[in-house]
Structure formats: structure tokens, C-alpha cells
Amino acid sequence: MTNSLIILAISTVLGLVQAVFWRWVSNLSDSQKSNTEQINAVKDQITKLQSEIYRDYPSKADVHKDSERIMQSLQEIKTELGKVNDKLDKKADK
């Protein structure tokens, strides 16, 4: 009878250890699934952000062209202001 009690006790302890082990594995699996979902969500957000950047922000070449146009326009304004200033000086001299 004592041998059967020892075997029953060992079987019970092994069953408990096995249950705890599988519960731990299940928790790890759930954590891994959660992490995978979060990673996929971040990837989706990055993809959306990249598409917004490509759609909304100008390229370096476009910015350079716009800058040249602005500088050319400012030069034209400066020239016109110089002409107006000369006319005012001539009028002031009379």
C-alpha cells in the first residue's frame, strides 16, 4: 500500500509540475502573439507615414527649383525697386 501511495504522490506532483509548465508555455505563446500583433501595427503605421511623406513632401530637387524661382523673383523685384528709386531721385532733384 505504501508503494502505491508513493506512486500516487509522485504522479500527482508530476501532474502539477506538468500543468504549471504548460501554463507557462501558454503564457509565453500569448505574449508572443501580442508582440507580433503590436509589431504588425507599428509596421502598418510606418507604411502609412511613408506614403504620406512621399505624397505630401516635395523632393529635394523640387525644393531647389522652387528656391531658384523665388530668388529670381526677388531679383526682379530688386531691379524694379531700383528703377522706382531712380525715378524718385530724379523727381526729387527737379
N, C-alpha and C. Protein backbone atom coordinates (compact mmCIF):
# COMPACT_ATOMS: atom_id res chain seq x y z
N MET A 1 0.81 -1.19 0.00
CA MET A 1 0.00 0.00 0.00
C MET A 1 0.86 1.26 0.00
N THR A 2 1.97 1.23 0.67
CA THR A 2 2.82 2.40 0.71
C THR A 2 3.45 2.67 -0.65
N ASN A 3 3.75 1.62 -1.40
CA ASN A 3 4.31 1.83 -2.74
C ASN A 3 3.28 2.51 -3.64
N SER A 4 2.03 2.11 -3.52
CA SER A 4 1.01 2.72 -4.36
C SER A 4 0.77 4.17 -3.95
N LEU A 5 0.90 4.52 -2.65
CA LEU A 5 0.77 5.91 -2.20
C LEU A 5 1.93 6.76 -2.71
N ILE A 6 3.13 6.18 -2.71
CA ILE A 6 4.31 6.90 -3.21
C ILE A 6 4.14 7.16 -4.70
N ILE A 7 3.70 6.15 -5.43
CA ILE A 7 3.49 6.31 -6.87
C ILE A 7 2.40 7.34 -7.12
N LEU A 8 1.34 7.32 -6.33
CA LEU A 8 0.25 8.30 -6.47
C LEU A 8 0.76 9.71 -6.17
N ALA A 9 1.58 9.84 -5.13
CA ALA A 9 2.13 11.15 -4.78
C ALA A 9 3.05 11.66 -5.89
N ILE A 10 3.90 10.80 -6.40
CA ILE A 10 4.82 11.19 -7.48
C ILE A 10 4.02 11.56 -8.72
N SER A 11 3.00 10.78 -9.04
CA SER A 11 2.16 11.08 -10.21
C SER A 11 1.46 12.41 -10.04
N THR A 12 0.97 12.69 -8.82
CA THR A 12 0.29 13.95 -8.56
C THR A 12 1.25 15.12 -8.70
N VAL A 13 2.45 14.99 -8.12
CA VAL A 13 3.46 16.06 -8.21
C VAL A 13 3.85 16.28 -9.67
N LEU A 14 4.09 15.20 -10.40
CA LEU A 14 4.46 15.34 -11.81
C LEU A 14 3.32 15.98 -12.62
N GLY A 15 2.10 15.64 -12.31
CA GLY A 15 0.95 16.24 -12.97
C GLY A 15 0.87 17.73 -12.70
N LEU A 16 1.11 18.12 -11.46
CA LEU A 16 1.11 19.55 -11.11
C LEU A 16 2.24 20.29 -11.80
N VAL A 17 3.43 19.70 -11.81
CA VAL A 17 4.58 20.32 -12.48
C VAL A 17 4.29 20.46 -13.97
N GLN A 18 3.71 19.41 -14.55
CA GLN A 18 3.39 19.45 -15.97
C GLN A 18 2.33 20.53 -16.25
N ALA A 19 1.33 20.66 -15.39
CA ALA A 19 0.30 21.68 -15.58
C ALA A 19 0.89 23.08 -15.49
N VAL A 20 1.77 23.31 -14.52
CA VAL A 20 2.43 24.62 -14.37
C VAL A 20 3.29 24.91 -15.59
N PHE A 21 4.01 23.89 -16.06
CA PHE A 21 4.88 24.07 -17.23
C PHE A 21 4.05 24.46 -18.45
N TRP A 22 2.95 23.76 -18.71
CA TRP A 22 2.14 24.06 -19.88
C TRP A 22 1.43 25.40 -19.76
N ARG A 23 1.09 25.79 -18.54
CA ARG A 23 0.51 27.12 -18.32
C ARG A 23 1.53 28.20 -18.66
N TRP A 24 2.78 27.99 -18.25
CA TRP A 24 3.87 28.92 -18.55
C TRP A 24 4.09 29.01 -20.06
N VAL A 25 4.09 27.88 -20.77
CA VAL A 25 4.25 27.86 -22.22
C VAL A 25 3.09 28.60 -22.88
N SER A 26 1.88 28.41 -22.37
CA SER A 26 0.71 29.09 -22.91
C SER A 26 0.85 30.61 -22.75
N ASN A 27 1.32 31.05 -21.58
CA ASN A 27 1.53 32.49 -21.36
C ASN A 27 2.58 33.05 -22.31
N LEU A 28 3.65 32.29 -22.54
CA LEU A 28 4.68 32.73 -23.48
C LEU A 28 4.11 32.85 -24.88
N SER A 29 3.30 31.89 -25.26
CA SER A 29 2.69 31.91 -26.58
C SER A 29 1.77 33.11 -26.74
N ASP A 30 0.97 33.39 -25.71
CA ASP A 30 0.08 34.56 -25.76
C ASP A 30 0.88 35.85 -25.86
N SER A 31 1.97 35.93 -25.10
CA SER A 31 2.82 37.13 -25.15
C SER A 31 3.43 37.31 -26.53
N GLN A 32 3.85 36.20 -27.12
CA GLN A 32 4.44 36.26 -28.45
C GLN A 32 3.40 36.71 -29.48
N LYS A 33 2.19 36.23 -29.37
CA LYS A 33 1.13 36.66 -30.29
C LYS A 33 0.85 38.15 -30.13
N SER A 34 0.81 38.60 -28.88
CA SER A 34 0.56 40.03 -28.61
C SER A 34 1.68 40.88 -29.20
N ASN A 35 2.92 40.45 -29.00
CA ASN A 35 4.06 41.20 -29.54
C ASN A 35 4.02 41.23 -31.07
N THR A 36 3.65 40.11 -31.68
CA THR A 36 3.56 40.05 -33.13
C THR A 36 2.49 41.00 -33.64
N GLU A 37 1.36 41.07 -32.97
CA GLU A 37 0.29 41.99 -33.37
C GLU A 37 0.74 43.44 -33.24
N GLN A 38 1.45 43.75 -32.15
CA GLN A 38 1.94 45.12 -31.96
C GLN A 38 2.97 45.47 -33.04
N ILE A 39 3.84 44.55 -33.36
CA ILE A 39 4.84 44.80 -34.40
C ILE A 39 4.16 45.05 -35.74
N ASN A 40 3.15 44.24 -36.05
CA ASN A 40 2.42 44.44 -37.31
C ASN A 40 1.70 45.79 -37.33
N ALA A 41 1.16 46.22 -36.19
CA ALA A 41 0.50 47.52 -36.12
C ALA A 41 1.51 48.64 -36.36
N VAL A 42 2.69 48.52 -35.78
CA VAL A 42 3.72 49.54 -35.97
C VAL A 42 4.17 49.56 -37.43
N LYS A 43 4.31 48.38 -38.04
CA LYS A 43 4.68 48.32 -39.45
C LYS A 43 3.64 49.02 -40.32
N ASP A 44 2.37 48.80 -40.02
CA ASP A 44 1.31 49.46 -40.77
C ASP A 44 1.38 50.98 -40.62
N GLN A 45 1.63 51.44 -39.39
CA GLN A 45 1.74 52.88 -39.16
C GLN A 45 2.92 53.47 -39.91
N ILE A 46 4.03 52.76 -39.92
CA ILE A 46 5.22 53.24 -40.64
C ILE A 46 4.94 53.30 -42.14
N THR A 47 4.25 52.30 -42.65
CA THR A 47 3.91 52.29 -44.07
C THR A 47 3.01 53.47 -44.42
N LYS A 48 2.03 53.75 -43.58
CA LYS A 48 1.15 54.90 -43.81
C LYS A 48 1.93 56.21 -43.77
N LEU A 49 2.82 56.32 -42.80
CA LEU A 49 3.63 57.53 -42.68
C LEU A 49 4.52 57.72 -43.90
N GLN A 50 5.12 56.63 -44.38
CA GLN A 50 5.96 56.74 -45.57
C GLN A 50 5.15 57.18 -46.77
N SER A 51 3.95 56.64 -46.91
CA SER A 51 3.14 57.04 -48.06
C SER A 51 2.73 58.51 -47.95
N GLU A 52 2.46 58.98 -46.74
CA GLU A 52 2.15 60.40 -46.55
C GLU A 52 3.35 61.27 -46.90
N ILE A 53 4.52 60.84 -46.49
CA ILE A 53 5.73 61.61 -46.78
C ILE A 53 5.95 61.69 -48.28
N TYR A 54 5.83 60.57 -48.97
CA TYR A 54 6.04 60.58 -50.42
C TYR A 54 4.98 61.41 -51.12
N ARG A 55 3.75 61.43 -50.58
CA ARG A 55 2.66 62.16 -51.21
C ARG A 55 2.73 63.66 -50.91
N ASP A 56 3.03 64.02 -49.66
CA ASP A 56 2.89 65.41 -49.22
C ASP A 56 4.17 66.23 -49.26
N TYR A 57 5.32 65.62 -49.12
CA TYR A 57 6.55 66.40 -49.04
C TYR A 57 7.26 66.43 -50.38
N PRO A 58 7.75 67.61 -50.76
CA PRO A 58 8.43 67.72 -52.06
C PRO A 58 9.81 67.09 -52.00
N SER A 59 10.30 66.74 -53.17
CA SER A 59 11.64 66.17 -53.23
C SER A 59 12.67 67.30 -53.10
N LYS A 60 13.90 66.91 -52.91
CA LYS A 60 14.97 67.89 -52.77
C LYS A 60 15.13 68.71 -54.06
N ALA A 61 14.99 68.05 -55.19
CA ALA A 61 15.11 68.74 -56.47
C ALA A 61 13.99 69.77 -56.64
N ASP A 62 12.76 69.41 -56.23
CA ASP A 62 11.65 70.34 -56.33
C ASP A 62 11.87 71.56 -55.44
N VAL A 63 12.37 71.33 -54.25
CA VAL A 63 12.65 72.44 -53.33
C VAL A 63 13.73 73.34 -53.92
N HIS A 64 14.73 72.74 -54.53
CA HIS A 64 15.81 73.52 -55.14
C HIS A 64 15.27 74.38 -56.29
N LYS A 65 14.41 73.80 -57.12
CA LYS A 65 13.81 74.56 -58.22
C LYS A 65 12.96 75.71 -57.69
N ASP A 66 12.16 75.43 -56.67
CA ASP A 66 11.33 76.48 -56.08
C ASP A 66 12.19 77.58 -55.50
N SER A 67 13.27 77.21 -54.86
CA SER A 67 14.18 78.20 -54.27
C SER A 67 14.78 79.08 -55.36
N GLU A 68 15.17 78.47 -56.48
CA GLU A 68 15.72 79.26 -57.59
C GLU A 68 14.68 80.23 -58.14
N ARG A 69 13.43 79.76 -58.28
CA ARG A 69 12.37 80.64 -58.77
C ARG A 69 12.14 81.81 -57.83
N ILE A 70 12.15 81.54 -56.54
CA ILE A 70 11.96 82.61 -55.55
C ILE A 70 13.09 83.61 -55.63
N MET A 71 14.32 83.12 -55.74
CA MET A 71 15.47 84.02 -55.82
C MET A 71 15.40 84.86 -57.10
N GLN A 72 14.97 84.26 -58.19
CA GLN A 72 14.83 85.00 -59.44
C GLN A 72 13.76 86.08 -59.30
N SER A 73 12.65 85.73 -58.68
CA SER A 73 11.58 86.71 -58.47
C SER A 73 12.05 87.84 -57.58
N LEU A 74 12.78 87.51 -56.54
CA LEU A 74 13.31 88.56 -55.65
C LEU A 74 14.29 89.47 -56.40
N GLN A 75 15.07 88.89 -57.29
CA GLN A 75 16.00 89.70 -58.08
C GLN A 75 15.23 90.66 -58.98
N GLU A 76 14.15 90.17 -59.58
CA GLU A 76 13.31 91.03 -60.43
C GLU A 76 12.69 92.16 -59.60
N ILE A 77 12.22 91.84 -58.42
CA ILE A 77 11.64 92.86 -57.53
C ILE A 77 12.70 93.89 -57.16
N LYS A 78 13.90 93.40 -56.88
CA LYS A 78 15.00 94.32 -56.53
C LYS A 78 15.31 95.26 -57.69
N THR A 79 15.31 94.73 -58.89
CA THR A 79 15.56 95.56 -60.07
C THR A 79 14.48 96.62 -60.24
N GLU A 80 13.23 96.19 -60.10
CA GLU A 80 12.12 97.13 -60.22
C GLU A 80 12.18 98.20 -59.14
N LEU A 81 12.53 97.81 -57.92
CA LEU A 81 12.65 98.80 -56.84
C LEU A 81 13.78 99.78 -57.12
N GLY A 82 14.85 99.28 -57.72
CA GLY A 82 15.94 100.17 -58.10
C GLY A 82 15.48 101.21 -59.12
N LYS A 83 14.66 100.76 -60.07
CA LYS A 83 14.13 101.69 -61.08
C LYS A 83 13.21 102.72 -60.43
N VAL A 84 12.35 102.28 -59.53
CA VAL A 84 11.44 103.19 -58.84
C VAL A 84 12.25 104.20 -58.02
N ASN A 85 13.28 103.72 -57.35
CA ASN A 85 14.13 104.60 -56.55
C ASN A 85 14.82 105.65 -57.42
N ASP A 86 15.29 105.24 -58.60
CA ASP A 86 15.92 106.19 -59.52
C ASP A 86 14.92 107.25 -59.98
N LYS A 87 13.69 106.83 -60.28
CA LYS A 87 12.67 107.78 -60.69
C LYS A 87 12.35 108.77 -59.58
N LEU A 88 12.28 108.25 -58.35
CA LEU A 88 12.01 109.14 -57.21
C LEU A 88 13.16 110.13 -57.02
N ASP A 89 14.38 109.68 -57.18
CA ASP A 89 15.53 110.57 -57.06
C ASP A 89 15.48 111.67 -58.13
N LYS A 90 15.12 111.30 -59.35
CA LYS A 90 15.03 112.26 -60.44
C LYS A 90 13.94 113.28 -60.16
N LYS A 91 12.84 112.80 -59.63
CA LYS A 91 11.73 113.71 -59.31
C LYS A 91 12.10 114.63 -58.16
N ALA A 92 12.86 114.13 -57.21
CA ALA A 92 13.26 114.92 -56.06
C ALA A 92 14.26 116.00 -56.47
N ASP A 93 15.06 115.70 -57.50
CA ASP A 93 16.07 116.66 -57.99
C ASP A 93 15.42 117.84 -58.71
N LYS A 94 14.24 117.68 -59.25
CA LYS A 94 13.59 118.75 -60.03
C LYS A 94 13.09 119.79 -59.15
